[in-house]
N, C-alpha and C. Protein backbone atom coordinates (compact mmCIF):
# COMPACT_ATOMS: atom_id res chain seq x y z
N MET A 1 68.48 269.09 -63.36
CA MET A 1 67.99 267.92 -63.03
C MET A 1 66.81 267.83 -63.22
N VAL A 2 65.91 266.48 -64.11
CA VAL A 2 64.74 266.72 -64.92
C VAL A 2 63.89 265.92 -63.74
N GLN A 3 62.29 266.96 -63.70
CA GLN A 3 61.62 266.67 -62.42
C GLN A 3 60.33 266.08 -63.19
N HIS A 4 59.86 265.18 -62.57
CA HIS A 4 58.73 264.49 -63.10
C HIS A 4 57.68 263.90 -61.76
N THR A 5 56.45 264.48 -62.07
CA THR A 5 55.25 264.32 -61.17
C THR A 5 54.21 263.79 -61.18
N ILE A 6 54.17 262.65 -60.44
CA ILE A 6 53.66 261.51 -60.56
C ILE A 6 52.23 261.70 -59.95
N GLY A 7 50.80 261.92 -60.72
CA GLY A 7 49.67 262.52 -59.81
C GLY A 7 49.04 261.10 -58.98
N LEU A 8 48.25 261.40 -58.21
CA LEU A 8 48.05 260.22 -57.12
C LEU A 8 46.37 260.94 -57.32
N ALA A 9 45.69 259.63 -58.03
CA ALA A 9 44.60 259.46 -58.62
C ALA A 9 43.61 258.51 -57.26
N PRO A 10 42.68 258.33 -57.21
CA PRO A 10 41.57 257.30 -56.58
C PRO A 10 41.84 255.91 -56.89
N LEU A 11 42.04 255.38 -55.99
CA LEU A 11 41.95 253.82 -56.54
C LEU A 11 40.82 252.85 -56.90
N THR A 12 41.02 252.82 -57.86
CA THR A 12 39.52 252.03 -58.54
C THR A 12 40.12 250.35 -58.98
N ARG A 13 39.03 249.76 -58.84
CA ARG A 13 39.27 248.54 -59.04
C ARG A 13 39.53 248.27 -61.12
N GLU A 14 38.92 248.95 -61.43
CA GLU A 14 39.33 249.32 -63.02
C GLU A 14 40.54 249.97 -63.75
N ALA A 15 40.70 251.05 -62.97
CA ALA A 15 42.21 251.79 -62.97
C ALA A 15 43.36 250.96 -62.59
N PHE A 16 42.79 250.21 -61.39
CA PHE A 16 44.14 249.12 -61.04
C PHE A 16 44.76 248.01 -61.82
N LYS A 17 43.96 247.58 -62.64
CA LYS A 17 42.91 246.37 -62.75
C LYS A 17 44.62 245.54 -63.97
N PRO A 18 45.28 246.31 -64.55
CA PRO A 18 46.47 245.99 -64.86
C PRO A 18 47.55 245.84 -64.35
N PHE A 19 47.71 246.23 -63.11
CA PHE A 19 48.66 246.25 -61.57
C PHE A 19 48.16 245.24 -61.26
N GLY A 20 46.69 244.69 -60.92
CA GLY A 20 46.77 243.56 -59.80
C GLY A 20 45.13 243.62 -59.25
N ASP A 21 45.17 242.77 -57.97
CA ASP A 21 43.75 243.45 -57.90
C ASP A 21 43.59 244.61 -56.71
N VAL A 22 42.51 244.96 -56.33
CA VAL A 22 42.10 245.99 -55.31
C VAL A 22 41.70 244.91 -53.89
N ILE A 23 41.92 245.29 -53.55
CA ILE A 23 41.24 244.29 -51.77
C ILE A 23 40.30 245.20 -51.14
N GLU A 24 38.81 245.40 -51.45
CA GLU A 24 37.54 246.26 -50.48
C GLU A 24 36.53 245.00 -50.52
N THR A 25 35.64 246.04 -49.79
CA THR A 25 34.41 244.77 -49.49
C THR A 25 33.13 245.60 -50.22
N ASP A 26 33.73 246.95 -50.53
CA ASP A 26 32.71 247.40 -51.65
C ASP A 26 32.49 246.20 -52.78
N GLY A 27 31.15 245.95 -53.08
CA GLY A 27 30.71 245.69 -54.74
C GLY A 27 31.36 244.04 -54.47
N ALA A 28 32.30 243.48 -53.16
CA ALA A 28 32.58 242.12 -53.30
C ALA A 28 31.44 241.25 -53.19
N ARG A 29 31.55 239.96 -53.85
CA ARG A 29 30.89 238.74 -53.27
C ARG A 29 30.70 238.76 -52.12
N LYS A 30 29.64 238.13 -51.26
CA LYS A 30 29.52 238.42 -50.27
C LYS A 30 28.27 236.79 -49.83
N PHE A 31 29.02 236.76 -48.68
CA PHE A 31 27.88 235.40 -48.10
C PHE A 31 27.52 235.45 -46.89
N SER A 32 26.50 235.06 -46.29
CA SER A 32 26.18 234.70 -44.45
C SER A 32 27.09 233.40 -44.02
N ILE A 33 27.68 233.52 -43.00
CA ILE A 33 28.81 232.41 -42.41
C ILE A 33 28.18 231.97 -41.30
N ASN A 34 28.46 231.13 -40.35
CA ASN A 34 27.99 231.18 -38.49
C ASN A 34 26.83 231.11 -38.26
N ASN A 35 25.86 230.70 -38.97
CA ASN A 35 24.27 230.59 -38.39
C ASN A 35 23.93 231.97 -39.35
N GLY A 36 24.64 232.86 -40.14
CA GLY A 36 24.36 234.54 -40.98
C GLY A 36 24.96 235.12 -39.52
N ALA A 37 25.70 234.96 -38.92
CA ALA A 37 26.48 235.65 -37.58
C ALA A 37 27.62 236.79 -37.91
N ILE A 38 27.79 236.51 -39.59
CA ILE A 38 29.14 236.67 -39.79
C ILE A 38 28.70 236.96 -41.50
N GLU A 39 29.44 237.90 -42.10
CA GLU A 39 29.13 238.35 -43.70
C GLU A 39 30.42 238.04 -44.00
N ARG A 40 30.64 237.50 -45.21
CA ARG A 40 31.98 236.92 -45.51
C ARG A 40 32.38 237.60 -47.02
N PHE A 41 33.10 238.54 -46.88
CA PHE A 41 33.56 238.72 -48.79
C PHE A 41 34.49 237.80 -49.21
N HIS A 42 34.09 237.03 -49.67
CA HIS A 42 34.57 236.35 -50.63
C HIS A 42 36.31 236.60 -51.61
N ASP A 43 37.16 235.99 -52.03
CA ASP A 43 37.77 235.85 -52.93
C ASP A 43 38.32 237.09 -53.20
N LEU A 44 38.69 238.05 -52.58
CA LEU A 44 39.10 239.08 -52.60
C LEU A 44 40.06 239.40 -53.70
N ALA A 45 41.21 238.47 -54.12
CA ALA A 45 42.43 239.04 -54.49
C ALA A 45 43.34 237.18 -54.91
N ARG A 46 43.84 237.02 -56.12
CA ARG A 46 44.03 235.97 -56.38
C ARG A 46 45.27 236.56 -56.11
N ILE A 47 45.89 234.88 -55.50
CA ILE A 47 47.36 234.93 -54.33
C ILE A 47 48.19 234.32 -55.24
N ASP A 48 48.85 234.40 -55.90
CA ASP A 48 49.59 233.68 -56.80
C ASP A 48 51.60 233.43 -56.04
N ILE A 49 51.52 232.42 -55.77
CA ILE A 49 52.37 232.14 -54.97
C ILE A 49 53.80 230.95 -56.19
N GLY A 50 53.63 231.08 -57.03
CA GLY A 50 54.12 229.92 -58.77
C GLY A 50 53.26 228.55 -57.76
N ASP A 51 54.45 227.70 -58.83
CA ASP A 51 54.25 226.26 -59.06
C ASP A 51 55.39 225.51 -58.71
N ASP A 52 56.56 226.19 -57.43
CA ASP A 52 57.40 225.53 -56.88
C ASP A 52 56.62 225.33 -55.23
N PRO A 53 56.68 223.55 -55.31
CA PRO A 53 56.10 223.11 -54.28
C PRO A 53 56.60 223.39 -53.12
N ASP A 54 57.98 224.01 -52.93
CA ASP A 54 58.38 224.28 -50.99
C ASP A 54 58.05 225.75 -51.07
N CYS A 55 57.41 226.05 -52.07
CA CYS A 55 56.67 227.35 -51.01
C CYS A 55 55.12 227.44 -50.75
N VAL A 56 55.51 228.54 -49.63
CA VAL A 56 54.29 228.74 -48.98
C VAL A 56 53.59 230.41 -48.80
N PRO A 57 52.12 230.21 -48.90
CA PRO A 57 52.38 231.46 -48.80
C PRO A 57 52.26 231.98 -47.29
N LEU A 58 52.65 233.25 -47.17
CA LEU A 58 53.17 234.26 -45.64
C LEU A 58 51.76 234.63 -45.45
N LEU A 59 51.61 235.10 -44.28
CA LEU A 59 50.80 236.03 -43.84
C LEU A 59 51.52 236.86 -42.43
N SER A 60 51.70 237.75 -43.22
CA SER A 60 52.36 238.96 -41.88
C SER A 60 52.30 240.51 -41.27
N ILE A 61 52.34 241.10 -40.83
CA ILE A 61 51.88 242.77 -40.67
C ILE A 61 53.29 243.29 -40.43
N ALA A 62 52.84 244.29 -40.94
CA ALA A 62 53.67 245.20 -41.50
C ALA A 62 53.66 246.22 -40.49
N GLN A 63 54.33 247.12 -39.53
CA GLN A 63 54.48 248.42 -38.60
C GLN A 63 55.18 249.54 -39.44
N CYS A 64 54.60 250.58 -39.70
CA CYS A 64 55.84 251.77 -39.89
C CYS A 64 56.41 252.26 -38.87
N ASN A 65 57.41 252.30 -38.87
CA ASN A 65 58.19 253.18 -37.84
C ASN A 65 58.37 254.85 -37.96
N GLN A 66 58.13 254.81 -38.91
CA GLN A 66 58.48 256.39 -39.84
C GLN A 66 57.61 256.81 -40.68
N ALA A 67 56.76 257.73 -40.47
CA ALA A 67 55.55 258.52 -41.58
C ALA A 67 56.41 258.73 -42.82
N THR A 68 55.83 259.00 -43.79
CA THR A 68 56.11 259.83 -44.96
C THR A 68 55.09 260.27 -45.57
N SER A 69 55.42 261.17 -45.75
CA SER A 69 54.67 262.71 -45.76
C SER A 69 54.72 263.24 -47.79
N LEU A 70 53.87 263.84 -48.22
CA LEU A 70 53.66 263.76 -49.63
C LEU A 70 54.27 265.52 -49.89
N PRO A 71 55.00 265.86 -50.70
CA PRO A 71 54.93 264.65 -52.14
C PRO A 71 56.30 264.35 -51.43
N PHE A 72 56.50 263.29 -52.11
CA PHE A 72 57.34 261.89 -51.91
C PHE A 72 58.46 261.81 -53.08
N ARG A 73 59.42 262.05 -52.69
CA ARG A 73 60.35 261.21 -54.01
C ARG A 73 61.09 259.93 -54.28
N ILE A 74 60.69 259.62 -55.27
CA ILE A 74 60.42 258.44 -55.60
C ILE A 74 62.10 257.66 -56.05
N ARG A 75 62.87 257.10 -55.22
CA ARG A 75 63.95 256.71 -55.80
C ARG A 75 64.25 255.34 -56.42
N LEU A 76 63.35 254.05 -55.95
CA LEU A 76 63.21 253.01 -57.08
C LEU A 76 61.67 252.59 -56.71
N VAL A 77 61.79 251.13 -57.46
CA VAL A 77 60.88 250.69 -57.52
C VAL A 77 61.24 249.29 -57.13
N GLU A 78 60.59 248.23 -57.23
CA GLU A 78 60.61 246.78 -56.91
C GLU A 78 59.38 246.25 -57.36
N ARG A 79 59.60 244.82 -57.86
CA ARG A 79 59.10 243.82 -58.32
C ARG A 79 59.33 242.52 -57.60
N HIS A 80 58.16 241.44 -57.67
CA HIS A 80 58.25 240.71 -57.24
C HIS A 80 57.79 239.08 -58.47
N PRO A 81 59.43 238.63 -59.00
CA PRO A 81 58.95 237.92 -59.83
C PRO A 81 58.44 236.66 -60.09
N LEU A 82 58.04 235.73 -58.87
CA LEU A 82 58.06 234.48 -58.65
C LEU A 82 56.34 234.61 -58.06
N ALA A 83 56.21 235.81 -57.81
CA ALA A 83 54.31 235.50 -57.19
C ALA A 83 53.98 236.80 -56.49
N SER A 84 52.72 236.96 -56.08
CA SER A 84 52.09 237.89 -55.80
C SER A 84 52.25 238.45 -54.37
N GLN A 85 52.08 239.58 -54.55
CA GLN A 85 52.39 240.60 -53.37
C GLN A 85 50.93 241.35 -52.70
N ALA A 86 50.52 241.26 -51.27
CA ALA A 86 49.05 242.13 -51.13
C ALA A 86 49.48 242.42 -49.86
N PHE A 87 49.04 243.85 -49.73
CA PHE A 87 48.83 245.11 -48.69
C PHE A 87 47.69 245.03 -48.22
N TYR A 88 47.11 245.07 -47.01
CA TYR A 88 45.75 245.72 -47.00
C TYR A 88 45.41 246.37 -44.90
N PRO A 89 45.50 247.57 -44.87
CA PRO A 89 45.55 248.24 -44.15
C PRO A 89 44.99 247.57 -42.88
N LEU A 90 45.31 247.89 -41.49
CA LEU A 90 44.47 247.27 -40.55
C LEU A 90 43.81 248.37 -39.66
N PHE A 91 44.40 249.77 -40.16
CA PHE A 91 42.91 250.75 -39.72
C PHE A 91 42.75 251.90 -40.72
N ASP A 92 41.91 252.19 -40.12
CA ASP A 92 41.35 253.03 -41.39
C ASP A 92 42.08 254.87 -42.18
N LYS A 93 43.01 254.71 -42.52
CA LYS A 93 44.32 255.23 -42.81
C LYS A 93 44.46 254.97 -44.65
N PRO A 94 44.17 256.23 -44.52
CA PRO A 94 44.35 255.84 -46.40
C PRO A 94 46.47 255.41 -47.24
N MET A 95 46.45 254.70 -47.91
CA MET A 95 47.85 254.76 -48.29
C MET A 95 47.74 254.92 -49.71
N ILE A 96 49.35 255.23 -50.15
CA ILE A 96 49.65 255.70 -51.75
C ILE A 96 50.54 254.30 -52.09
N VAL A 97 49.89 254.16 -53.30
CA VAL A 97 50.40 252.84 -54.26
C VAL A 97 51.66 254.05 -55.27
N ALA A 98 52.21 253.12 -56.19
CA ALA A 98 53.09 253.78 -57.33
C ALA A 98 53.04 252.91 -58.22
N VAL A 99 52.65 252.40 -59.40
CA VAL A 99 53.03 251.03 -59.74
C VAL A 99 53.56 251.66 -62.13
N ALA A 100 53.94 250.72 -62.14
CA ALA A 100 54.50 250.76 -63.59
C ALA A 100 54.38 249.06 -64.06
N PRO A 101 54.26 248.94 -65.44
CA PRO A 101 54.13 247.46 -65.67
C PRO A 101 55.42 246.67 -65.74
N ASP A 102 55.11 245.44 -66.25
CA ASP A 102 56.42 244.67 -66.23
C ASP A 102 57.22 245.41 -67.47
N CYS A 103 58.66 245.11 -67.33
CA CYS A 103 59.42 246.03 -68.18
C CYS A 103 60.53 245.40 -67.68
N GLU A 104 61.74 246.06 -68.06
CA GLU A 104 63.34 245.75 -68.22
C GLU A 104 63.66 247.28 -67.35
N GLU A 105 63.28 248.40 -68.00
CA GLU A 105 64.18 249.61 -67.19
C GLU A 105 62.54 250.12 -67.36
N VAL A 106 62.49 250.70 -65.76
CA VAL A 106 61.06 251.67 -65.70
C VAL A 106 61.48 253.11 -65.84
N ALA A 107 60.47 253.19 -67.23
CA ALA A 107 60.72 254.94 -67.39
C ALA A 107 59.96 256.13 -66.43
N PRO A 108 60.24 257.00 -66.18
CA PRO A 108 59.51 258.15 -65.14
C PRO A 108 58.15 258.05 -65.91
N ASP A 109 57.67 257.80 -67.18
CA ASP A 109 56.50 257.92 -67.40
C ASP A 109 55.18 257.22 -67.69
N THR A 110 56.11 255.72 -67.42
CA THR A 110 55.40 254.63 -67.04
C THR A 110 54.64 254.60 -65.93
N LEU A 111 55.24 255.36 -64.59
CA LEU A 111 54.49 255.32 -63.19
C LEU A 111 52.88 255.77 -63.12
N THR A 112 51.92 254.62 -62.68
CA THR A 112 51.05 255.24 -62.31
C THR A 112 50.68 255.37 -60.85
N GLY A 113 50.64 256.62 -60.45
CA GLY A 113 49.95 256.39 -58.72
C GLY A 113 48.73 256.52 -57.93
N PHE A 114 48.50 256.05 -57.41
CA PHE A 114 47.24 256.47 -56.87
C PHE A 114 47.13 256.44 -55.25
N TYR A 115 45.68 256.69 -54.68
CA TYR A 115 45.78 256.69 -52.93
C TYR A 115 44.39 255.98 -52.89
N THR A 116 44.33 255.40 -52.00
CA THR A 116 42.89 254.19 -51.15
C THR A 116 42.56 255.49 -50.18
N ASN A 117 41.33 254.72 -50.19
CA ASN A 117 40.23 255.38 -49.15
C ASN A 117 40.50 255.42 -47.39
N GLY A 118 41.54 253.85 -47.40
CA GLY A 118 41.71 253.59 -46.24
C GLY A 118 41.08 252.56 -45.36
N LYS A 119 40.08 252.13 -46.40
CA LYS A 119 39.73 250.69 -46.58
C LYS A 119 39.69 249.58 -47.40
N GLN A 120 41.22 250.20 -48.16
CA GLN A 120 41.03 249.44 -49.67
C GLN A 120 42.75 248.83 -49.29
N GLY A 121 42.93 247.67 -49.96
CA GLY A 121 44.75 246.67 -50.20
C GLY A 121 44.29 246.84 -51.25
N ILE A 122 45.72 246.82 -51.25
CA ILE A 122 46.36 246.17 -53.21
C ILE A 122 46.78 244.53 -52.86
N ASN A 123 46.95 244.09 -54.46
CA ASN A 123 47.56 242.50 -54.41
C ASN A 123 48.24 242.93 -55.84
N PHE A 124 49.35 243.20 -56.02
CA PHE A 124 50.62 243.51 -56.98
C PHE A 124 50.65 241.73 -57.72
N HIS A 125 50.02 242.00 -59.01
CA HIS A 125 50.28 240.83 -59.90
C HIS A 125 51.81 240.51 -59.94
N ARG A 126 52.28 239.32 -60.23
CA ARG A 126 53.49 238.91 -60.47
C ARG A 126 54.32 240.22 -61.23
N ASN A 127 55.64 240.58 -61.33
CA ASN A 127 56.03 241.19 -62.56
C ASN A 127 55.85 242.59 -62.46
N VAL A 128 55.00 243.06 -61.14
CA VAL A 128 54.08 244.56 -61.87
C VAL A 128 55.81 245.28 -60.50
N TRP A 129 56.11 246.57 -61.36
CA TRP A 129 57.07 247.51 -60.33
C TRP A 129 56.17 248.33 -59.63
N HIS A 130 56.75 248.43 -58.48
CA HIS A 130 55.74 249.58 -57.69
C HIS A 130 56.67 249.87 -56.47
N ILE A 131 56.23 250.96 -56.02
CA ILE A 131 57.25 251.56 -55.14
C ILE A 131 57.02 251.07 -53.45
N PRO A 132 58.28 250.68 -52.75
CA PRO A 132 58.20 250.04 -51.16
C PRO A 132 57.56 250.35 -50.73
N LEU A 133 56.42 249.76 -49.68
CA LEU A 133 55.49 249.99 -48.93
C LEU A 133 56.04 251.32 -48.22
N ILE A 134 55.00 252.09 -48.33
CA ILE A 134 55.11 253.22 -46.92
C ILE A 134 53.86 253.82 -46.81
N ALA A 135 54.12 254.53 -45.46
CA ALA A 135 52.54 255.10 -44.70
C ALA A 135 52.76 256.24 -44.65
N LEU A 136 51.63 257.02 -44.31
CA LEU A 136 51.88 258.34 -44.43
C LEU A 136 51.68 258.34 -42.93
N GLU A 137 51.29 257.39 -41.98
CA GLU A 137 51.13 257.72 -40.45
C GLU A 137 52.15 256.98 -39.90
N GLN A 138 52.73 257.60 -38.81
CA GLN A 138 53.86 256.65 -37.86
C GLN A 138 53.02 255.18 -36.97
N GLY A 139 52.84 254.18 -37.12
CA GLY A 139 52.48 253.11 -36.13
C GLY A 139 51.23 252.42 -37.06
N GLN A 140 51.26 253.19 -38.52
CA GLN A 140 49.89 252.45 -39.36
C GLN A 140 50.83 250.92 -39.40
N GLN A 141 49.26 249.58 -39.29
CA GLN A 141 49.84 248.51 -39.71
C GLN A 141 49.25 247.99 -41.43
N PHE A 142 49.72 246.61 -41.45
CA PHE A 142 49.44 246.13 -42.33
C PHE A 142 49.54 245.01 -42.87
N VAL A 143 48.30 244.02 -43.04
CA VAL A 143 48.97 242.46 -43.41
C VAL A 143 49.51 242.74 -45.05
N ILE A 144 50.07 241.52 -44.69
CA ILE A 144 50.80 241.29 -45.88
C ILE A 144 50.67 239.85 -46.08
N VAL A 145 50.52 239.36 -47.19
CA VAL A 145 50.27 238.09 -47.97
C VAL A 145 51.57 237.89 -49.40
N ASP A 146 52.46 237.44 -49.39
CA ASP A 146 53.03 236.71 -50.18
C ASP A 146 53.85 235.60 -49.89
N ARG A 147 55.16 235.04 -50.69
CA ARG A 147 55.39 233.90 -50.50
C ARG A 147 56.53 234.25 -50.09
N GLY A 148 56.87 232.67 -49.73
CA GLY A 148 58.00 232.14 -49.02
C GLY A 148 58.92 230.96 -49.56
N GLY A 149 59.92 230.67 -49.32
CA GLY A 149 60.53 229.96 -50.28
C GLY A 149 61.92 230.36 -50.66
N SER A 150 61.91 229.17 -51.16
CA SER A 150 63.61 229.46 -52.35
C SER A 150 63.38 230.73 -53.29
N GLY A 151 64.75 230.82 -53.62
CA GLY A 151 64.61 231.98 -55.06
C GLY A 151 64.55 233.49 -55.16
N ASN A 152 64.77 234.04 -55.77
CA ASN A 152 64.86 235.63 -55.58
C ASN A 152 63.56 235.97 -55.96
N ASN A 153 62.50 236.78 -54.94
CA ASN A 153 61.21 237.35 -55.14
C ASN A 153 61.25 238.68 -55.06
N CYS A 154 62.85 239.25 -55.25
CA CYS A 154 62.12 240.51 -54.94
C CYS A 154 63.56 241.50 -56.16
N GLU A 155 63.31 242.35 -57.08
CA GLU A 155 63.86 242.86 -58.11
C GLU A 155 63.89 244.13 -57.63
N GLU A 156 64.87 245.27 -57.67
CA GLU A 156 64.76 246.63 -57.70
C GLU A 156 65.48 247.12 -58.82
N PHE A 157 64.95 248.59 -58.90
CA PHE A 157 65.33 249.26 -60.09
C PHE A 157 65.69 250.55 -59.74
N HIS A 158 66.72 251.32 -59.82
CA HIS A 158 67.31 252.61 -58.89
C HIS A 158 66.77 253.55 -60.18
N PHE A 159 66.01 254.63 -59.99
CA PHE A 159 66.08 255.93 -61.19
C PHE A 159 66.83 256.62 -60.89
N ASP A 160 67.51 257.13 -61.84
CA ASP A 160 68.80 257.83 -62.71
C ASP A 160 68.81 259.10 -61.84
N SER A 161 69.96 259.05 -60.71
CA SER A 161 70.06 260.54 -60.00
C SER A 161 69.79 261.52 -60.43
N ALA A 162 69.67 261.53 -62.05
CA ALA A 162 69.58 263.14 -62.75
C ALA A 162 67.99 262.83 -62.84
N ASP A 163 66.78 261.78 -62.51
CA ASP A 163 65.20 262.23 -62.68
C ASP A 163 64.86 262.41 -61.29
N GLU A 164 64.25 263.21 -60.71
CA GLU A 164 63.35 263.21 -59.23
C GLU A 164 62.08 262.99 -60.18
N LEU A 165 61.60 262.38 -59.27
CA LEU A 165 60.40 262.20 -59.74
C LEU A 165 59.21 262.21 -58.26
N ILE A 166 58.72 262.95 -58.36
CA ILE A 166 57.80 263.08 -57.27
C ILE A 166 56.19 262.93 -57.26
N LEU A 167 56.02 262.00 -56.45
CA LEU A 167 54.30 261.36 -56.26
C LEU A 167 54.09 262.32 -55.68
N GLN A 168 52.59 263.07 -55.82
CA GLN A 168 52.09 263.95 -54.68
C GLN A 168 50.36 263.99 -55.11
N ARG A 169 49.52 263.82 -54.46
CA ARG A 169 48.06 264.50 -54.61
C ARG A 169 48.13 265.22 -55.22
N ILE A 170 46.84 265.42 -56.12
CA ILE A 170 46.99 266.46 -57.39
C ILE A 170 45.31 266.71 -56.90
N GLU A 171 44.57 267.81 -56.04
CA GLU A 171 43.59 268.05 -56.60
C GLU A 171 42.68 268.78 -57.70
C-alpha cells in the first residue's frame, strides 16, 4: 500500500481561487440596507446552475449525523459537471475541504487540502473534484446551494485500494 498525506492549509480566497469561491464576510463588498439597520455582504459566490431552463437553484440544509476526525482516509472524490455547489456552516465550526482540478482521473498528488476558520464557506466551481461533505462535529449544519433539475450532476472517482490517501492538519 502506498500512503499519500494531504496536508491541510488555512483556506484563503487566493489559494482556493482555481477551485471556486471562499464565502466569507471578511473583505467582502458590503452596504447598508433597511435604513441602516442591516449590513449586507453582497455577491459572495458565483452560483452556476447551467443554462438548462428546467433547472433551478436549490437551498438546503445538511446536518452531520456522524462526526469525522483527523486524520481522515479519502476513499473517493466527486464533482458536479452541470453546476457549482456551495456549503456554508451555520455554526462557528471549522470544516475541512480537499479539492483537485478538472481531469479524467484524479491522482493523489493533485489533491489540495484546506481547513476553514469556522466562519468560511466554499463554492465549488463546476467540474472541481472534492471530497464529499464531512463535518468534524456531530450536529454541525451547513447551508447548501446547488442545482435541481434533470441530468446527472454528480460523478464519483474512487481511488485505487492500493493508495491510502490521508488528510490531516499539519502544524
